[in-house]
Amino acid sequence: MTTVKPSMEGTTFTCSGYTVQIHDTEEDETGYWAEVVELPGCCTQGETLEELKENAEDVIEGFLEISTQNP
């Protein structure tokens, strides 16, 4: 039995005060990827939406930490 993942393309959520936009992966891939709208180049992925949201928190924290060390 094949499970079809729901499309989340273009859906957004807020994480640590930033807007995160979800994108679907290719049809033959699992999971989702997302970009933090206000932080260019800040992206992450996850197999599930829950994992994607957890990874978004981590990537935002890391991105901000690096950007304050290298202004």
C-alpha atoms as a PDB file:
ATOM      1  CA  MET A   1       0.000   0.000   0.000  1.00  0.00           C
ATOM      2  CA  THR A   2       1.403   3.379  -1.041  1.00  0.00           C
ATOM      3  CA  THR A   3       0.819   6.405   1.133  1.00  0.00           C
ATOM      4  CA  VAL A   4       0.320   9.687  -0.687  1.00  0.00           C
ATOM      5  CA  LYS A   5       1.706  12.650   1.183  1.00  0.00           C
ATOM      6  CA  PRO A   6      -0.468  15.761   1.176  1.00  0.00           C
ATOM      7  CA  SER A   7       0.816  18.745  -0.777  1.00  0.00           C
ATOM      8  CA  MET A   8       2.018  21.541   1.495  1.00  0.00           C
ATOM      9  CA  GLU A   9       3.518  23.714  -1.267  1.00  0.00           C
ATOM     10  CA  GLY A  10       3.436  27.390  -0.272  1.00  0.00           C
ATOM     11  CA  THR A  11       2.097  26.799   3.235  1.00  0.00           C
ATOM     12  CA  THR A  12       3.788  28.938   5.871  1.00  0.00           C
ATOM     13  CA  PHE A  13       4.271  28.814   9.619  1.00  0.00           C
ATOM     14  CA  THR A  14       6.060  31.025  12.125  1.00  0.00           C
ATOM     15  CA  CYS A  15       9.110  29.761  13.939  1.00  0.00           C
ATOM     16  CA  SER A  16      11.154  31.877  16.363  1.00  0.00           C
ATOM     17  CA  GLY A  17       9.472  34.965  14.903  1.00  0.00           C
ATOM     18  CA  TYR A  18      10.397  34.132  11.300  1.00  0.00           C
ATOM     19  CA  THR A  19       8.184  33.025   8.409  1.00  0.00           C
ATOM     20  CA  VAL A  20       8.970  29.533   7.147  1.00  0.00           C
ATOM     21  CA  GLN A  21       7.585  28.516   3.743  1.00  0.00           C
ATOM     22  CA  ILE A  22       7.089  24.817   3.027  1.00  0.00           C
ATOM     23  CA  HIS A  23       7.810  23.240  -0.352  1.00  0.00           C
ATOM     24  CA  ASP A  24       7.012  19.761  -1.592  1.00  0.00           C
ATOM     25  CA  THR A  25       9.860  17.494  -2.652  1.00  0.00           C
ATOM     26  CA  GLU A  26       9.848  15.743  -6.006  1.00  0.00           C
ATOM     27  CA  GLU A  27       7.166  13.080  -6.504  1.00  0.00           C
ATOM     28  CA  ASP A  28       9.665  10.240  -6.089  1.00  0.00           C
ATOM     29  CA  GLU A  29      11.044  11.695  -2.830  1.00  0.00           C
ATOM     30  CA  THR A  30       9.626  11.704   0.669  1.00  0.00           C
ATOM     31  CA  GLY A  31       9.296  14.601   3.061  1.00  0.00           C
ATOM     32  CA  TYR A  32       9.336  18.342   2.615  1.00  0.00           C
ATOM     33  CA  TRP A  33      11.825  21.171   2.464  1.00  0.00           C
ATOM     34  CA  ALA A  34      11.428  24.723   3.711  1.00  0.00           C
ATOM     35  CA  GLU A  35      13.051  28.116   3.526  1.00  0.00           C
ATOM     36  CA  VAL A  36      13.081  30.900   6.071  1.00  0.00           C
ATOM     37  CA  VAL A  37      11.709  33.863   4.134  1.00  0.00           C
ATOM     38  CA  GLU A  38      13.534  36.608   6.049  1.00  0.00           C
ATOM     39  CA  LEU A  39      16.888  34.785   6.123  1.00  0.00           C
ATOM     40  CA  PRO A  40      18.103  34.227   2.527  1.00  0.00           C
ATOM     41  CA  GLY A  41      19.863  30.908   2.109  1.00  0.00           C
ATOM     42  CA  CYS A  42      18.432  29.494   5.340  1.00  0.00           C
ATOM     43  CA  CYS A  43      16.766  26.190   4.391  1.00  0.00           C
ATOM     44  CA  THR A  44      16.047  22.819   5.943  1.00  0.00           C
ATOM     45  CA  GLN A  45      14.167  19.591   5.288  1.00  0.00           C
ATOM     46  CA  GLY A  46      12.297  16.867   7.119  1.00  0.00           C
ATOM     47  CA  GLU A  47      10.594  13.562   6.447  1.00  0.00           C
ATOM     48  CA  THR A  48       7.480  14.696   8.334  1.00  0.00           C
ATOM     49  CA  LEU A  49       5.984  18.109   9.073  1.00  0.00           C
ATOM     50  CA  GLU A  50       6.853  17.652  12.747  1.00  0.00           C
ATOM     51  CA  GLU A  51      10.484  16.919  11.891  1.00  0.00           C
ATOM     52  CA  LEU A  52      10.532  19.867   9.462  1.00  0.00           C
ATOM     53  CA  LYS A  53       9.348  22.238  12.198  1.00  0.00           C
ATOM     54  CA  GLU A  54      11.951  20.932  14.657  1.00  0.00           C
ATOM     55  CA  ASN A  55      14.678  21.295  12.034  1.00  0.00           C
ATOM     56  CA  ALA A  56      13.498  24.833  11.241  1.00  0.00           C
ATOM     57  CA  GLU A  57      14.073  25.848  14.862  1.00  0.00           C
ATOM     58  CA  ASP A  58      17.573  24.397  14.758  1.00  0.00           C
ATOM     59  CA  VAL A  59      18.543  25.957  11.424  1.00  0.00           C
ATOM     60  CA  ILE A  60      17.289  29.409  12.439  1.00  0.00           C
ATOM     61  CA  GLU A  61      19.268  29.245  15.682  1.00  0.00           C
ATOM     62  CA  GLY A  62      22.400  28.134  13.825  1.00  0.00           C
ATOM     63  CA  PHE A  63      21.976  30.707  11.074  1.00  0.00           C
ATOM     64  CA  LEU A  64      21.620  33.555  13.568  1.00  0.00           C
ATOM     65  CA  GLU A  65      24.565  32.338  15.616  1.00  0.00           C
ATOM     66  CA  ILE A  66      26.828  32.218  12.573  1.00  0.00           C
ATOM     67  CA  SER A  67      25.623  35.549  11.200  1.00  0.00           C
ATOM     68  CA  THR A  68      26.361  37.351  14.484  1.00  0.00           C
ATOM     69  CA  GLN A  69      29.871  35.863  14.586  1.00  0.00           C
ATOM     70  CA  ASN A  70      30.559  36.886  10.970  1.00  0.00           C
ATOM     71  CA  PRO A  71      28.760  40.206  10.373  1.00  0.00           C
END
